[in-house]
Amino acid sequence: MAESAPNYLTTVAAAYDGVAEVYAELFADVLDRQPLERALLSAFADLTRPLPGPVADLGCGPGYATAHLHRLGLDVFGVDLSPKMIAIARRSHPQLRFEVGTMTALDLPDGILSGALCRYSLIHTPPADIPAILAEIYRLLAPGGHLLLGFLATDEPAAGVHAYDHRVTGAYRWPPDHLTELARQAGLVEVAQLVRAPTDEERGRQAQLLARRPQQT
């Protein structure tokens, strides 16, 4: 079972510190094997590029997605709980900015971001803490800014959110419509939702939610 807040942040950081080098090597070319995710990242880049302000890769790990967004022409920086992941990201991508931090308390002004990427970085968060994180992302996004959220989908949506034994530390699978509804309650509007079957190297259905903060009226 995944751990309850506030202890889960320390647990997750320590768990990823312990596997940082192996993780970085294992996932270095993961986007090469994910054409649907690359397409959504490209759409995300197209939607955020015209807006002022940078994009934040929240839970960036070793920085491979951060670097991919940079190659797509975005002003992007990465944030992660794990100091060792951040050290690898800085070593691998010295031209980019990476910081140790948490999505629960980002020291950034309101409306500063044109976009936020959370690529499987909320899966270890206790469900009760998700609304606060989505509210924080809403606060940080500029009007018209977009969130791209990757997560693990339940095989039986009617069963609700459930914990499972992730290879690194405890995690949760979500019914896609449930997470979409929480984003809506935070003020974000759904743009697109993708759920796909797992590949041979994955352990369940993969989901992506693209949402935006509405323009002010």
C-alpha atoms as a PDB file:
ATOM      1  CA  MET A   1       0.000   0.000   0.000  1.00  0.00           C
ATOM      2  CA  ALA A   2       1.184   3.533  -0.709  1.00  0.00           C
ATOM      3  CA  GLU A   3       1.911   5.646   2.338  1.00  0.00           C
ATOM      4  CA  SER A   4      -0.294   8.458   3.599  1.00  0.00           C
ATOM      5  CA  ALA A   5       0.703  12.110   3.605  1.00  0.00           C
ATOM      6  CA  PRO A   6       2.858  13.711   4.817  1.00  0.00           C
ATOM      7  CA  ASN A   7       5.281  10.785   4.991  1.00  0.00           C
ATOM      8  CA  TYR A   8       4.827   9.667   1.391  1.00  0.00           C
ATOM      9  CA  LEU A   9       6.949  12.527   0.023  1.00  0.00           C
ATOM     10  CA  THR A  10       9.979  11.367   1.992  1.00  0.00           C
ATOM     11  CA  THR A  11       9.293   7.746   1.072  1.00  0.00           C
ATOM     12  CA  VAL A  12       8.977   8.481  -2.644  1.00  0.00           C
ATOM     13  CA  ALA A  13      12.110  10.650  -2.724  1.00  0.00           C
ATOM     14  CA  ALA A  14      14.169   7.983  -0.967  1.00  0.00           C
ATOM     15  CA  ALA A  15      12.798   5.217  -3.192  1.00  0.00           C
ATOM     16  CA  TYR A  16      13.729   7.040  -6.402  1.00  0.00           C
ATOM     17  CA  ASP A  17      17.107   8.074  -4.997  1.00  0.00           C
ATOM     18  CA  GLY A  18      17.792   4.369  -4.547  1.00  0.00           C
ATOM     19  CA  VAL A  19      17.073   3.456  -8.175  1.00  0.00           C
ATOM     20  CA  ALA A  20      18.022   6.715  -9.919  1.00  0.00           C
ATOM     21  CA  GLU A  21      20.906   5.440 -12.061  1.00  0.00           C
ATOM     22  CA  VAL A  22      19.091   2.253 -13.120  1.00  0.00           C
ATOM     23  CA  TYR A  23      15.870   4.179 -13.810  1.00  0.00           C
ATOM     24  CA  ALA A  24      17.672   6.768 -15.930  1.00  0.00           C
ATOM     25  CA  GLU A  25      19.295   4.072 -18.064  1.00  0.00           C
ATOM     26  CA  LEU A  26      16.077   2.060 -18.400  1.00  0.00           C
ATOM     27  CA  PHE A  27      13.928   4.995 -19.529  1.00  0.00           C
ATOM     28  CA  ALA A  28      16.470   6.989 -21.537  1.00  0.00           C
ATOM     29  CA  ASP A  29      14.813   6.082 -24.852  1.00  0.00           C
ATOM     30  CA  VAL A  30      11.274   5.353 -23.613  1.00  0.00           C
ATOM     31  CA  LEU A  31       9.684   8.053 -25.791  1.00  0.00           C
ATOM     32  CA  ASP A  32      11.151   6.381 -28.871  1.00  0.00           C
ATOM     33  CA  ARG A  33       8.837   3.453 -28.070  1.00  0.00           C
ATOM     34  CA  GLN A  34       5.734   5.572 -27.386  1.00  0.00           C
ATOM     35  CA  PRO A  35       4.418   7.167 -30.588  1.00  0.00           C
ATOM     36  CA  LEU A  36       1.045   8.119 -29.096  1.00  0.00           C
ATOM     37  CA  GLU A  37       2.672   9.882 -26.157  1.00  0.00           C
ATOM     38  CA  ARG A  38       5.064  11.676 -28.510  1.00  0.00           C
ATOM     39  CA  ALA A  39       2.078  12.894 -30.522  1.00  0.00           C
ATOM     40  CA  LEU A  40       0.412  14.291 -27.406  1.00  0.00           C
ATOM     41  CA  LEU A  41       3.647  15.945 -26.299  1.00  0.00           C
ATOM     42  CA  SER A  42       3.877  17.555 -29.726  1.00  0.00           C
ATOM     43  CA  ALA A  43       0.287  18.816 -29.453  1.00  0.00           C
ATOM     44  CA  PHE A  44       1.013  20.063 -25.931  1.00  0.00           C
ATOM     45  CA  ALA A  45       4.037  21.952 -27.251  1.00  0.00           C
ATOM     46  CA  ASP A  46       1.981  23.507 -30.058  1.00  0.00           C
ATOM     47  CA  LEU A  47      -0.660  24.651 -27.574  1.00  0.00           C
ATOM     48  CA  THR A  48       1.746  26.136 -25.032  1.00  0.00           C
ATOM     49  CA  ARG A  49       4.392  27.619 -27.323  1.00  0.00           C
ATOM     50  CA  PRO A  50       2.405  30.791 -28.219  1.00  0.00           C
ATOM     51  CA  LEU A  51       1.826  31.690 -24.558  1.00  0.00           C
ATOM     52  CA  PRO A  52       4.235  33.708 -22.409  1.00  0.00           C
ATOM     53  CA  GLY A  53       5.964  31.923 -19.569  1.00  0.00           C
ATOM     54  CA  PRO A  54       7.854  28.657 -19.252  1.00  0.00           C
ATOM     55  CA  VAL A  55       6.622  25.074 -19.061  1.00  0.00           C
ATOM     56  CA  ALA A  56       7.283  23.046 -15.901  1.00  0.00           C
ATOM     57  CA  ASP A  57       8.000  19.320 -16.062  1.00  0.00           C
ATOM     58  CA  LEU A  58       6.749  18.354 -12.601  1.00  0.00           C
ATOM     59  CA  GLY A  59       8.231  15.077 -11.447  1.00  0.00           C
ATOM     60  CA  CYS A  60      10.818  15.228 -14.214  1.00  0.00           C
ATOM     61  CA  GLY A  61      12.983  12.316 -13.044  1.00  0.00           C
ATOM     62  CA  PRO A  62      16.206  12.175 -15.091  1.00  0.00           C
ATOM     63  CA  GLY A  63      14.910  14.838 -17.461  1.00  0.00           C
ATOM     64  CA  TYR A  64      14.257  12.909 -20.683  1.00  0.00           C
ATOM     65  CA  ALA A  65      10.794  14.442 -21.216  1.00  0.00           C
ATOM     66  CA  THR A  66      12.091  17.883 -20.234  1.00  0.00           C
ATOM     67  CA  ALA A  67      14.747  17.588 -22.933  1.00  0.00           C
ATOM     68  CA  HIS A  68      12.164  16.353 -25.443  1.00  0.00           C
ATOM     69  CA  LEU A  69       9.986  19.415 -24.828  1.00  0.00           C
ATOM     70  CA  HIS A  70      13.063  21.639 -25.182  1.00  0.00           C
ATOM     71  CA  ARG A  71      13.741  20.063 -28.588  1.00  0.00           C
ATOM     72  CA  LEU A  72      10.147  20.916 -29.500  1.00  0.00           C
ATOM     73  CA  GLY A  73      10.955  24.573 -28.931  1.00  0.00           C
ATOM     74  CA  LEU A  74       9.667  25.163 -25.398  1.00  0.00           C
ATOM     75  CA  ASP A  75      11.225  27.159 -22.576  1.00  0.00           C
ATOM     76  CA  VAL A  76      11.042  24.333 -20.027  1.00  0.00           C
ATOM     77  CA  PHE A  77      12.469  23.440 -16.629  1.00  0.00           C
ATOM     78  CA  GLY A  78      12.191  20.338 -14.442  1.00  0.00           C
ATOM     79  CA  VAL A  79      11.280  19.746 -10.801  1.00  0.00           C
ATOM     80  CA  ASP A  80      11.602  16.456  -8.892  1.00  0.00           C
ATOM     81  CA  LEU A  81      11.506  15.189  -5.303  1.00  0.00           C
ATOM     82  CA  SER A  82      14.623  13.054  -5.755  1.00  0.00           C
ATOM     83  CA  PRO A  83      17.967  14.872  -5.417  1.00  0.00           C
ATOM     84  CA  LYS A  84      19.726  12.021  -7.229  1.00  0.00           C
ATOM     85  CA  MET A  85      17.300  12.225 -10.150  1.00  0.00           C
ATOM     86  CA  ILE A  86      17.942  15.959 -10.361  1.00  0.00           C
ATOM     87  CA  ALA A  87      21.700  15.366 -10.300  1.00  0.00           C
ATOM     88  CA  ILE A  88      21.357  12.964 -13.258  1.00  0.00           C
ATOM     89  CA  ALA A  89      19.122  15.401 -15.126  1.00  0.00           C
ATOM     90  CA  ARG A  90      21.634  18.222 -14.668  1.00  0.00           C
ATOM     91  CA  ARG A  91      24.477  15.985 -15.774  1.00  0.00           C
ATOM     92  CA  SER A  92      22.606  14.701 -18.826  1.00  0.00           C
ATOM     93  CA  HIS A  93      21.089  18.032 -19.890  1.00  0.00           C
ATOM     94  CA  PRO A  94      23.360  20.831 -18.609  1.00  0.00           C
ATOM     95  CA  GLN A  95      21.691  23.396 -20.837  1.00  0.00           C
ATOM     96  CA  LEU A  96      18.398  23.051 -18.941  1.00  0.00           C
ATOM     97  CA  ARG A  97      17.277  24.073 -15.455  1.00  0.00           C
ATOM     98  CA  PHE A  98      16.367  21.422 -12.875  1.00  0.00           C
ATOM     99  CA  GLU A  99      15.362  21.915  -9.241  1.00  0.00           C
ATOM    100  CA  VAL A 100      14.613  19.704  -6.253  1.00  0.00           C
ATOM    101  CA  GLY A 101      11.064  20.426  -5.152  1.00  0.00           C
ATOM    102  CA  THR A 102       7.551  19.160  -4.594  1.00  0.00           C
ATOM    103  CA  MET A 103       4.287  19.754  -6.424  1.00  0.00           C
ATOM    104  CA  THR A 104       2.599  20.337  -3.079  1.00  0.00           C
ATOM    105  CA  ALA A 105       4.485  23.607  -2.513  1.00  0.00           C
ATOM    106  CA  LEU A 106       5.962  25.194  -5.620  1.00  0.00           C
ATOM    107  CA  ASP A 107       7.494  28.574  -4.851  1.00  0.00           C
ATOM    108  CA  LEU A 108       6.276  30.231  -8.039  1.00  0.00           C
ATOM    109  CA  PRO A 109       3.923  33.183  -8.631  1.00  0.00           C
ATOM    110  CA  ASP A 110       0.363  32.818  -9.847  1.00  0.00           C
ATOM    111  CA  GLY A 111      -0.151  32.387 -13.591  1.00  0.00           C
ATOM    112  CA  ILE A 112       3.554  32.021 -14.368  1.00  0.00           C
ATOM    113  CA  LEU A 113       3.391  28.854 -16.487  1.00  0.00           C
ATOM    114  CA  SER A 114       2.234  28.366 -20.045  1.00  0.00           C
ATOM    115  CA  GLY A 115       2.061  24.634 -19.375  1.00  0.00           C
ATOM    116  CA  ALA A 116       2.683  21.870 -16.861  1.00  0.00           C
ATOM    117  CA  LEU A 117       3.685  18.297 -17.634  1.00  0.00           C
ATOM    118  CA  CYS A 118       3.009  15.634 -14.985  1.00  0.00           C
ATOM    119  CA  ARG A 119       4.214  12.473 -16.680  1.00  0.00           C
ATOM    120  CA  TYR A 120       3.326   9.648 -14.272  1.00  0.00           C
ATOM    121  CA  SER A 121       4.442  11.878 -11.409  1.00  0.00           C
ATOM    122  CA  LEU A 122       1.154  11.782  -9.463  1.00  0.00           C
ATOM    123  CA  ILE A 123       0.837   8.008  -9.333  1.00  0.00           C
ATOM    124  CA  HIS A 124       2.455   7.768  -5.877  1.00  0.00           C
ATOM    125  CA  THR A 125       0.288  10.542  -4.387  1.00  0.00           C
ATOM    126  CA  PRO A 126      -2.447   9.468  -1.946  1.00  0.00           C
ATOM    127  CA  PRO A 127      -5.819  10.106  -3.629  1.00  0.00           C
ATOM    128  CA  ALA A 128      -6.892  12.557  -0.903  1.00  0.00           C
ATOM    129  CA  ASP A 129      -3.960  14.840  -1.837  1.00  0.00           C
ATOM    130  CA  ILE A 130      -4.649  14.969  -5.579  1.00  0.00           C
ATOM    131  CA  PRO A 131      -7.215  17.829  -5.471  1.00  0.00           C
ATOM    132  CA  ALA A 132      -4.740  20.131  -3.706  1.00  0.00           C
ATOM    133  CA  ILE A 133      -2.053  19.419  -6.300  1.00  0.00           C
ATOM    134  CA  LEU A 134      -4.450  20.054  -9.183  1.00  0.00           C
ATOM    135  CA  ALA A 135      -5.492  23.315  -7.506  1.00  0.00           C
ATOM    136  CA  GLU A 136      -1.811  24.285  -7.236  1.00  0.00           C
ATOM    137  CA  ILE A 137      -1.282  23.559 -10.933  1.00  0.00           C
ATOM    138  CA  TYR A 138      -4.370  25.638 -11.778  1.00  0.00           C
ATOM    139  CA  ARG A 139      -2.896  28.508  -9.736  1.00  0.00           C
ATOM    140  CA  LEU A 140       0.389  28.338 -11.610  1.00  0.00           C
ATOM    141  CA  LEU A 141      -1.062  28.121 -15.118  1.00  0.00           C
ATOM    142  CA  ALA A 142      -1.662  31.287 -17.084  1.00  0.00           C
ATOM    143  CA  PRO A 143      -5.136  31.651 -18.610  1.00  0.00           C
ATOM    144  CA  GLY A 144      -5.120  29.370 -21.633  1.00  0.00           C
ATOM    145  CA  GLY A 145      -2.246  27.312 -20.203  1.00  0.00           C
ATOM    146  CA  HIS A 146      -2.338  23.526 -20.498  1.00  0.00           C
ATOM    147  CA  LEU A 147      -1.694  20.526 -18.264  1.00  0.00           C
ATOM    148  CA  LEU A 148      -0.651  17.164 -19.720  1.00  0.00           C
ATOM    149  CA  LEU A 149      -1.078  14.450 -17.107  1.00  0.00           C
ATOM    150  CA  GLY A 150       0.088  10.853 -17.595  1.00  0.00           C
ATOM    151  CA  PHE A 151      -1.113   8.129 -15.242  1.00  0.00           C
ATOM    152  CA  LEU A 152      -1.941   4.456 -14.876  1.00  0.00           C
ATOM    153  CA  ALA A 153      -5.549   3.569 -15.657  1.00  0.00           C
ATOM    154  CA  THR A 154      -7.656   0.986 -13.878  1.00  0.00           C
ATOM    155  CA  ASP A 155      -8.784  -2.028 -15.888  1.00  0.00           C
ATOM    156  CA  GLU A 156     -12.203  -1.841 -14.204  1.00  0.00           C
ATOM    157  CA  PRO A 157     -13.272   1.833 -13.911  1.00  0.00           C
ATOM    158  CA  ALA A 158     -16.271   0.964 -11.730  1.00  0.00           C
ATOM    159  CA  ALA A 159     -13.897  -0.348  -9.060  1.00  0.00           C
ATOM    160  CA  GLY A 160     -12.540   3.169  -8.452  1.00  0.00           C
ATOM    161  CA  VAL A 161      -9.017   4.177  -7.472  1.00  0.00           C
ATOM    162  CA  HIS A 162      -6.895   1.350  -6.177  1.00  0.00           C
ATOM    163  CA  ALA A 163      -3.362   0.901  -4.861  1.00  0.00           C
ATOM    164  CA  TYR A 164      -0.968  -1.555  -6.449  1.00  0.00           C
ATOM    165  CA  ASP A 165       2.589  -2.767  -5.989  1.00  0.00           C
ATOM    166  CA  HIS A 166       4.682  -0.463  -8.159  1.00  0.00           C
ATOM    167  CA  ARG A 167       8.263  -1.588  -8.822  1.00  0.00           C
ATOM    168  CA  VAL A 168       9.747   1.444  -7.027  1.00  0.00           C
ATOM    169  CA  THR A 169       7.209   2.306  -4.305  1.00  0.00           C
ATOM    170  CA  GLY A 170       3.463   2.117  -3.688  1.00  0.00           C
ATOM    171  CA  ALA A 171       1.257   3.713  -6.334  1.00  0.00           C
ATOM    172  CA  TYR A 172      -2.330   4.116  -7.506  1.00  0.00           C
ATOM    173  CA  ARG A 173      -4.309   3.402 -10.655  1.00  0.00           C
ATOM    174  CA  TRP A 174      -7.146   5.767 -11.548  1.00  0.00           C
ATOM    175  CA  PRO A 175     -10.352   5.533 -13.559  1.00  0.00           C
ATOM    176  CA  PRO A 176      -9.653   8.178 -16.238  1.00  0.00           C
ATOM    177  CA  ASP A 177     -13.022   9.890 -15.838  1.00  0.00           C
ATOM    178  CA  HIS A 178     -12.492  10.173 -12.077  1.00  0.00           C
ATOM    179  CA  LEU A 179      -9.212  12.049 -12.489  1.00  0.00           C
ATOM    180  CA  THR A 180     -10.756  14.177 -15.233  1.00  0.00           C
ATOM    181  CA  GLU A 181     -13.558  15.136 -12.847  1.00  0.00           C
ATOM    182  CA  LEU A 182     -11.071  16.162 -10.152  1.00  0.00           C
ATOM    183  CA  ALA A 183      -9.296  18.338 -12.725  1.00  0.00           C
ATOM    184  CA  ARG A 184     -12.653  19.903 -13.611  1.00  0.00           C
ATOM    185  CA  GLN A 185     -13.333  20.630  -9.949  1.00  0.00           C
ATOM    186  CA  ALA A 186      -9.967  22.403  -9.780  1.00  0.00           C
ATOM    187  CA  GLY A 187     -11.079  24.650 -12.652  1.00  0.00           C
ATOM    188  CA  LEU A 188      -9.394  22.849 -15.559  1.00  0.00           C
ATOM    189  CA  VAL A 189     -11.283  22.012 -18.756  1.00  0.00           C
ATOM    190  CA  GLU A 190     -10.727  18.682 -20.501  1.00  0.00           C
ATOM    191  CA  VAL A 191      -9.254  18.978 -24.003  1.00  0.00           C
ATOM    192  CA  ALA A 192      -8.475  15.327 -24.739  1.00  0.00           C
ATOM    193  CA  GLN A 193      -8.170  11.971 -23.054  1.00  0.00           C
ATOM    194  CA  LEU A 194      -6.188   8.984 -24.298  1.00  0.00           C
ATOM    195  CA  VAL A 195      -6.265   5.474 -22.851  1.00  0.00           C
ATOM    196  CA  ARG A 196      -4.236   2.760 -24.537  1.00  0.00           C
ATOM    197  CA  ALA A 197      -3.460  -0.910 -24.017  1.00  0.00           C
ATOM    198  CA  PRO A 198      -0.128  -1.770 -22.373  1.00  0.00           C
ATOM    199  CA  THR A 199       2.885  -2.873 -24.351  1.00  0.00           C
ATOM    200  CA  ASP A 200       4.742  -6.049 -23.411  1.00  0.00           C
ATOM    201  CA  GLU A 201       6.990  -4.062 -21.054  1.00  0.00           C
ATOM    202  CA  GLU A 202       4.128  -2.289 -19.230  1.00  0.00           C
ATOM    203  CA  ARG A 203       1.902  -3.489 -16.393  1.00  0.00           C
ATOM    204  CA  GLY A 204      -1.496  -2.086 -17.269  1.00  0.00           C
ATOM    205  CA  ARG A 205      -3.399   0.470 -19.294  1.00  0.00           C
ATOM    206  CA  GLN A 206      -1.736   3.830 -19.821  1.00  0.00           C
ATOM    207  CA  ALA A 207      -3.701   7.082 -19.772  1.00  0.00           C
ATOM    208  CA  GLN A 208      -3.108  10.702 -20.715  1.00  0.00           C
ATOM    209  CA  LEU A 209      -5.270  13.711 -19.860  1.00  0.00           C
ATOM    210  CA  LEU A 210      -4.813  17.041 -21.628  1.00  0.00           C
ATOM    211  CA  ALA A 211      -6.609  19.912 -19.890  1.00  0.00           C
ATOM    212  CA  ARG A 212      -6.412  23.693 -19.898  1.00  0.00           C
ATOM    213  CA  ARG A 213      -7.077  26.629 -17.653  1.00  0.00           C
ATOM    214  CA  PRO A 214      -9.847  28.654 -19.332  1.00  0.00           C
ATOM    215  CA  GLN A 215      -9.160  32.085 -20.676  1.00  0.00           C
ATOM    216  CA  GLN A 216     -10.364  34.858 -18.390  1.00  0.00           C
ATOM    217  CA  THR A 217     -13.594  36.535 -19.485  1.00  0.00           C
END
